[in-house]
PDB file of N, CA and C in Angstrom:
ATOM      1  N   MET A   1     134.092  68.773  54.984  1.00  0.00           N
ATOM      2  CA  MET A   1     135.446  69.276  55.456  1.00  0.00           C
ATOM      3  C   MET A   1     135.300  70.686  56.101  1.00  0.00           C
ATOM      4  N   THR A   2     134.358  71.455  55.613  1.00  0.00           N
ATOM      5  CA  THR A   2     134.116  72.805  56.148  1.00  0.00           C
ATOM      6  C   THR A   2     133.488  72.624  57.561  1.00  0.00           C
ATOM      7  N   LEU A   3     132.639  71.690  57.804  1.00  0.00           N
ATOM      8  CA  LEU A   3     132.072  71.398  59.020  1.00  0.00           C
ATOM      9  C   LEU A   3     133.114  70.940  60.085  1.00  0.00           C
ATOM     10  N   GLN A   4     134.217  70.359  59.563  1.00  0.00           N
ATOM     11  CA  GLN A   4     135.214  69.812  60.442  1.00  0.00           C
ATOM     12  C   GLN A   4     136.315  70.876  60.720  1.00  0.00           C
ATOM     13  N   GLY A   5     136.065  72.082  60.227  1.00  0.00           N
ATOM     14  CA  GLY A   5     137.050  73.252  60.499  1.00  0.00           C
ATOM     15  C   GLY A   5     138.232  73.188  59.630  1.00  0.00           C
ATOM     16  N   LEU A   6     138.109  72.528  58.426  1.00  0.00           N
ATOM     17  CA  LEU A   6     139.337  72.371  57.523  1.00  0.00           C
ATOM     18  C   LEU A   6     139.411  73.426  56.410  1.00  0.00           C
ATOM     19  N   GLY A   7     138.498  74.444  56.464  1.00  0.00           N
ATOM     20  CA  GLY A   7     138.648  75.409  55.529  1.00  0.00           C
ATOM     21  C   GLY A   7     137.310  76.121  55.193  1.00  0.00           C
ATOM     22  N   ILE A   8     137.386  77.039  54.065  1.00  0.00           N
ATOM     23  CA  ILE A   8     136.175  77.787  53.738  1.00  0.00           C
ATOM     24  C   ILE A   8     135.625  77.061  52.585  1.00  0.00           C
ATOM     25  N   GLY A   9     134.289  77.017  52.616  1.00  0.00           N
ATOM     26  CA  GLY A   9     133.564  76.291  51.511  1.00  0.00           C
ATOM     27  C   GLY A   9     132.493  77.217  50.859  1.00  0.00           C
ATOM     28  N   GLY A  10     132.311  77.039  49.526  1.00  0.00           N
ATOM     29  CA  GLY A  10     131.304  77.695  48.805  1.00  0.00           C
ATOM     30  C   GLY A  10     130.090  76.775  48.801  1.00  0.00           C
ATOM     31  N   ILE A  11     129.114  76.922  49.744  1.00  0.00           N
ATOM     32  CA  ILE A  11     127.993  75.949  49.875  1.00  0.00           C
ATOM     33  C   ILE A  11     126.699  76.719  49.602  1.00  0.00           C
ATOM     34  N   PRO A  12     125.843  76.108  48.753  1.00  0.00           N
ATOM     35  CA  PRO A  12     124.489  76.693  48.513  1.00  0.00           C
ATOM     36  C   PRO A  12     123.774  76.849  49.865  1.00  0.00           C
ATOM     37  N   ASP A  13     122.926  77.902  49.854  1.00  0.00           N
ATOM     38  CA  ASP A  13     122.166  78.126  51.157  1.00  0.00           C
ATOM     39  C   ASP A  13     121.309  76.941  51.567  1.00  0.00           C
ATOM     40  N   PHE A  14     120.666  76.271  50.613  1.00  0.00           N
ATOM     41  CA  PHE A  14     119.826  75.231  51.037  1.00  0.00           C
ATOM     42  C   PHE A  14     120.485  74.006  51.619  1.00  0.00           C
ATOM     43  N   LEU A  15     121.825  73.922  51.376  1.00  0.00           N
ATOM     44  CA  LEU A  15     122.602  72.818  51.997  1.00  0.00           C
ATOM     45  C   LEU A  15     123.208  73.311  53.371  1.00  0.00           C
ATOM     46  N   ALA A  16     123.365  74.521  53.544  1.00  0.00           N
ATOM     47  CA  ALA A  16     124.065  75.039  54.759  1.00  0.00           C
ATOM     48  C   ALA A  16     123.105  75.647  55.840  1.00  0.00           C
ATOM     49  N   CYS A  17     121.773  75.613  55.558  1.00  0.00           N
ATOM     50  CA  CYS A  17     120.743  76.232  56.433  1.00  0.00           C
ATOM     51  C   CYS A  17     120.912  75.726  57.883  1.00  0.00           C
ATOM     52  N   ASP A  18     120.852  74.502  57.990  1.00  0.00           N
ATOM     53  CA  ASP A  18     120.820  73.902  59.395  1.00  0.00           C
ATOM     54  C   ASP A  18     122.118  74.190  60.136  1.00  0.00           C
ATOM     55  N   ALA A  19     123.292  74.015  59.451  1.00  0.00           N
ATOM     56  CA  ALA A  19     124.513  74.260  60.084  1.00  0.00           C
ATOM     57  C   ALA A  19     124.745  75.725  60.472  1.00  0.00           C
ATOM     58  N   LEU A  20     124.277  76.654  59.581  1.00  0.00           N
ATOM     59  CA  LEU A  20     124.292  78.024  59.838  1.00  0.00           C
ATOM     60  C   LEU A  20     123.410  78.337  61.096  1.00  0.00           C
ATOM     61  N   ALA A  21     122.208  77.869  61.155  1.00  0.00           N
ATOM     62  CA  ALA A  21     121.226  78.069  62.164  1.00  0.00           C
ATOM     63  C   ALA A  21     121.784  77.528  63.538  1.00  0.00           C
ATOM     64  N   GLU A  22     122.456  76.433  63.538  1.00  0.00           N
ATOM     65  CA  GLU A  22     123.016  75.756  64.770  1.00  0.00           C
ATOM     66  C   GLU A  22     124.344  76.328  65.093  1.00  0.00           C
ATOM     67  N   GLY A  23     124.879  77.241  64.363  1.00  0.00           N
ATOM     68  CA  GLY A  23     126.201  77.817  64.639  1.00  0.00           C
ATOM     69  C   GLY A  23     127.400  76.976  64.298  1.00  0.00           C
ATOM     70  N   ARG A  24     127.166  75.849  63.619  1.00  0.00           N
ATOM     71  CA  ARG A  24     128.291  75.016  63.244  1.00  0.00           C
ATOM     72  C   ARG A  24     129.025  75.577  62.035  1.00  0.00           C
ATOM     73  N   LEU A  25     128.404  76.491  61.286  1.00  0.00           N
ATOM     74  CA  LEU A  25     129.022  77.177  60.242  1.00  0.00           C
ATOM     75  C   LEU A  25     128.697  78.696  60.368  1.00  0.00           C
ATOM     76  N   VAL A  26     129.654  79.548  59.934  1.00  0.00           N
ATOM     77  CA  VAL A  26     129.387  80.968  59.899  1.00  0.00           C
ATOM     78  C   VAL A  26     129.701  81.471  58.583  1.00  0.00           C
ATOM     79  N   GLN A  27     129.057  82.492  58.138  1.00  0.00           N
ATOM     80  CA  GLN A  27     129.192  83.065  56.795  1.00  0.00           C
ATOM     81  C   GLN A  27     130.367  84.048  56.932  1.00  0.00           C
ATOM     82  N   VAL A  28     131.372  83.919  55.963  1.00  0.00           N
ATOM     83  CA  VAL A  28     132.483  84.850  55.912  1.00  0.00           C
ATOM     84  C   VAL A  28     132.491  85.561  54.572  1.00  0.00           C
ATOM     85  N   LEU A  29     132.946  86.694  54.477  1.00  0.00           N
ATOM     86  CA  LEU A  29     133.071  87.517  53.250  1.00  0.00           C
ATOM     87  C   LEU A  29     131.761  87.605  52.473  1.00  0.00           C
ATOM     88  N   PRO A  30     130.693  87.927  53.180  1.00  0.00           N
ATOM     89  CA  PRO A  30     129.345  88.037  52.392  1.00  0.00           C
ATOM     90  C   PRO A  30     129.317  89.092  51.346  1.00  0.00           C
ATOM     91  N   ASP A  31     130.186  90.142  51.432  1.00  0.00           N
ATOM     92  CA  ASP A  31     130.143  91.173  50.358  1.00  0.00           C
ATOM     93  C   ASP A  31     130.836  90.686  49.124  1.00  0.00           C
ATOM     94  N   TYR A  32     131.504  89.558  49.129  1.00  0.00           N
ATOM     95  CA  TYR A  32     132.325  88.996  48.022  1.00  0.00           C
ATOM     96  C   TYR A  32     131.644  87.720  47.369  1.00  0.00           C
ATOM     97  N   VAL A  33     130.471  87.404  47.875  1.00  0.00           N
ATOM     98  CA  VAL A  33     129.766  86.253  47.375  1.00  0.00           C
ATOM     99  C   VAL A  33     128.863  86.693  46.188  1.00  0.00           C
ATOM    100  N   ASP A  34     128.991  85.941  45.069  1.00  0.00           N
ATOM    101  CA  ASP A  34     128.187  86.210  43.919  1.00  0.00           C
ATOM    102  C   ASP A  34     126.750  85.742  44.176  1.00  0.00           C
ATOM    103  N   PRO A  35     125.761  86.400  43.578  1.00  0.00           N
ATOM    104  CA  PRO A  35     124.390  85.928  43.662  1.00  0.00           C
ATOM    105  C   PRO A  35     124.322  84.540  42.960  1.00  0.00           C
ATOM    106  N   PRO A  36     123.298  83.754  43.399  1.00  0.00           N
ATOM    107  CA  PRO A  36     123.141  82.436  42.710  1.00  0.00           C
ATOM    108  C   PRO A  36     123.119  82.480  41.155  1.00  0.00           C
ATOM    109  N   ASN A  37     123.663  81.545  40.565  1.00  0.00           N
ATOM    110  CA  ASN A  37     123.639  81.460  39.067  1.00  0.00           C
ATOM    111  C   ASN A  37     122.389  80.765  38.668  1.00  0.00           C
ATOM    112  N   ARG A  38     122.037  80.801  37.466  1.00  0.00           N
ATOM    113  CA  ARG A  38     120.946  80.195  36.868  1.00  0.00           C
ATOM    114  C   ARG A  38     121.224  78.666  36.834  1.00  0.00           C
ATOM    115  N   LEU A  39     120.256  77.904  37.105  1.00  0.00           N
ATOM    116  CA  LEU A  39     120.341  76.384  37.073  1.00  0.00           C
ATOM    117  C   LEU A  39     119.203  75.884  36.205  1.00  0.00           C
ATOM    118  N   SER A  40     119.502  75.044  35.319  1.00  0.00           N
ATOM    119  CA  SER A  40     118.469  74.380  34.455  1.00  0.00           C
ATOM    120  C   SER A  40     118.356  72.986  34.808  1.00  0.00           C
ATOM    121  N   LEU A  41     117.133  72.447  34.850  1.00  0.00           N
ATOM    122  CA  LEU A  41     116.927  71.063  35.045  1.00  0.00           C
ATOM    123  C   LEU A  41     116.434  70.471  33.655  1.00  0.00           C
ATOM    124  N   VAL A  42     117.123  69.499  33.185  1.00  0.00           N
ATOM    125  CA  VAL A  42     116.759  68.938  31.915  1.00  0.00           C
ATOM    126  C   VAL A  42     116.402  67.458  32.082  1.00  0.00           C
ATOM    127  N   TRP A  43     115.363  67.016  31.437  1.00  0.00           N
ATOM    128  CA  TRP A  43     114.973  65.618  31.499  1.00  0.00           C
ATOM    129  C   TRP A  43     114.508  65.257  30.078  1.00  0.00           C
ATOM    130  N   PRO A  44     114.461  63.924  29.869  1.00  0.00           N
ATOM    131  CA  PRO A  44     114.034  63.415  28.611  1.00  0.00           C
ATOM    132  C   PRO A  44     112.498  63.775  28.295  1.00  0.00           C
ATOM    133  N   SER A  45     112.317  64.225  27.120  1.00  0.00           N
ATOM    134  CA  SER A  45     111.006  64.418  26.721  1.00  0.00           C
ATOM    135  C   SER A  45     110.157  63.231  26.448  1.00  0.00           C
ATOM    136  N   SER A  46     109.002  63.209  27.039  1.00  0.00           N
ATOM    137  CA  SER A  46     108.172  61.961  26.807  1.00  0.00           C
ATOM    138  C   SER A  46     106.743  62.421  26.975  1.00  0.00           C
ATOM    139  N   ARG A  47     105.905  61.573  26.506  1.00  0.00           N
ATOM    140  CA  ARG A  47     104.471  61.919  26.505  1.00  0.00           C
ATOM    141  C   ARG A  47     103.902  61.925  27.986  1.00  0.00           C
ATOM    142  N   HIS A  48     104.478  61.106  28.806  1.00  0.00           N
ATOM    143  CA  HIS A  48     104.066  60.925  30.183  1.00  0.00           C
ATOM    144  C   HIS A  48     105.259  61.126  31.124  1.00  0.00           C
ATOM    145  N   LEU A  49     105.274  62.295  31.805  1.00  0.00           N
ATOM    146  CA  LEU A  49     106.358  62.638  32.665  1.00  0.00           C
ATOM    147  C   LEU A  49     106.354  61.644  33.936  1.00  0.00           C
ATOM    148  N   SER A  50     107.454  61.142  34.195  1.00  0.00           N
ATOM    149  CA  SER A  50     107.652  60.244  35.304  1.00  0.00           C
ATOM    150  C   SER A  50     107.214  60.964  36.613  1.00  0.00           C
ATOM    151  N   PRO A  51     106.412  60.285  37.404  1.00  0.00           N
ATOM    152  CA  PRO A  51     106.149  60.983  38.804  1.00  0.00           C
ATOM    153  C   PRO A  51     107.392  61.324  39.583  1.00  0.00           C
ATOM    154  N   LYS A  52     108.452  60.498  39.445  1.00  0.00           N
ATOM    155  CA  LYS A  52     109.650  60.764  40.217  1.00  0.00           C
ATOM    156  C   LYS A  52     110.239  62.029  39.707  1.00  0.00           C
ATOM    157  N   ILE A  53     110.261  62.273  38.460  1.00  0.00           N
ATOM    158  CA  ILE A  53     110.861  63.518  37.876  1.00  0.00           C
ATOM    159  C   ILE A  53     110.033  64.685  38.249  1.00  0.00           C
ATOM    160  N   ARG A  54     108.695  64.525  38.166  1.00  0.00           N
ATOM    161  CA  ARG A  54     107.808  65.652  38.538  1.00  0.00           C
ATOM    162  C   ARG A  54     108.073  66.095  39.987  1.00  0.00           C
ATOM    163  N   VAL A  55     108.150  65.083  40.934  1.00  0.00           N
ATOM    164  CA  VAL A  55     108.344  65.434  42.343  1.00  0.00           C
ATOM    165  C   VAL A  55     109.781  66.077  42.475  1.00  0.00           C
ATOM    166  N   PHE A  56     110.802  65.610  41.805  1.00  0.00           N
ATOM    167  CA  PHE A  56     112.062  66.199  41.983  1.00  0.00           C
ATOM    168  C   PHE A  56     112.092  67.642  41.487  1.00  0.00           C
ATOM    169  N   VAL A  57     111.496  67.861  40.277  1.00  0.00           N
ATOM    170  CA  VAL A  57     111.392  69.199  39.681  1.00  0.00           C
ATOM    171  C   VAL A  57     110.636  70.184  40.591  1.00  0.00           C
ATOM    172  N   ASP A  58     109.541  69.686  41.150  1.00  0.00           N
ATOM    173  CA  ASP A  58     108.761  70.513  42.064  1.00  0.00           C
ATOM    174  C   ASP A  58     109.581  70.877  43.298  1.00  0.00           C
ATOM    175  N   PHE A  59     110.242  69.911  43.797  1.00  0.00           N
ATOM    176  CA  PHE A  59     111.011  70.014  45.125  1.00  0.00           C
ATOM    177  C   PHE A  59     112.146  71.086  44.874  1.00  0.00           C
ATOM    178  N   MET A  60     112.823  70.850  43.712  1.00  0.00           N
ATOM    179  CA  MET A  60     113.984  71.771  43.441  1.00  0.00           C
ATOM    180  C   MET A  60     113.464  73.198  43.146  1.00  0.00           C
ATOM    181  N   SER A  61     112.282  73.372  42.427  1.00  0.00           N
ATOM    182  CA  SER A  61     111.763  74.712  42.164  1.00  0.00           C
ATOM    183  C   SER A  61     111.387  75.404  43.468  1.00  0.00           C
ATOM    184  N   GLU A  62     110.789  74.652  44.464  1.00  0.00           N
ATOM    185  CA  GLU A  62     110.413  75.293  45.752  1.00  0.00           C
ATOM    186  C   GLU A  62     111.715  75.609  46.621  1.00  0.00           C
ATOM    187  N   ARG A  63     112.681  74.830  46.546  1.00  0.00           N
ATOM    188  CA  ARG A  63     113.798  74.971  47.591  1.00  0.00           C
ATOM    189  C   ARG A  63     114.953  75.706  47.129  1.00  0.00           C
ATOM    190  N   LEU A  64     115.340  75.588  45.842  1.00  0.00           N
ATOM    191  CA  LEU A  64     116.642  76.042  45.342  1.00  0.00           C
ATOM    192  C   LEU A  64     116.680  77.548  45.308  1.00  0.00           C
ATOM    193  N   PHE A  65     117.755  78.168  45.834  1.00  0.00           N
ATOM    194  CA  PHE A  65     118.018  79.539  45.824  1.00  0.00           C
ATOM    195  C   PHE A  65     117.046  80.455  46.477  1.00  0.00           C
ATOM    196  N   LEU A  66     116.241  79.904  47.370  1.00  0.00           N
ATOM    197  CA  LEU A  66     115.276  80.739  48.084  1.00  0.00           C
ATOM    198  C   LEU A  66     115.879  81.236  49.436  1.00  0.00           C
ATOM    199  N   GLY A  67     117.027  80.802  49.819  1.00  0.00           N
ATOM    200  CA  GLY A  67     117.566  81.222  51.098  1.00  0.00           C
ATOM    201  C   GLY A  67     117.062  80.256  52.222  1.00  0.00           C
ATOM    202  N   CYS A  68     117.730  80.448  53.318  1.00  0.00           N
ATOM    203  CA  CYS A  68     117.469  79.488  54.412  1.00  0.00           C
ATOM    204  C   CYS A  68     116.049  79.657  54.984  1.00  0.00           C
ATOM    205  N   ASN A  69     115.585  80.831  55.190  1.00  0.00           N
ATOM    206  CA  ASN A  69     114.332  81.013  55.749  1.00  0.00           C
ATOM    207  C   ASN A  69     113.201  80.600  54.949  1.00  0.00           C
ATOM    208  N   ALA A  70     113.242  80.806  53.701  1.00  0.00           N
ATOM    209  CA  ALA A  70     112.177  80.494  52.787  1.00  0.00           C
ATOM    210  C   ALA A  70     112.123  79.048  52.511  1.00  0.00           C
ATOM    211  N   ALA A  71     113.182  78.284  52.603  1.00  0.00           N
ATOM    212  CA  ALA A  71     113.238  76.903  52.358  1.00  0.00           C
ATOM    213  C   ALA A  71     112.723  76.014  53.420  1.00  0.00           C
ATOM    214  N   ARG A  72     112.431  76.571  54.615  1.00  0.00           N
ATOM    215  CA  ARG A  72     111.961  75.807  55.755  1.00  0.00           C
ATOM    216  C   ARG A  72     110.485  75.617  55.690  1.00  0.00           C
TER     217      ARG A  72
END
């Protein structure tokens, strides 16, 4: 809806990077945006960690909250 011009959205950097770089979105009120909150990833404990979970955790650790330039 934000991309369609229907309002302001609170969108994480890693989801808005491309649209910001292309000018489809612009940042407003940057002085009033809170820094990213802590996020925890929780998965079932097991002796053998699923490869799918390991890839997901690694991906999120590398990309989340790093900002647009670092995530590329």
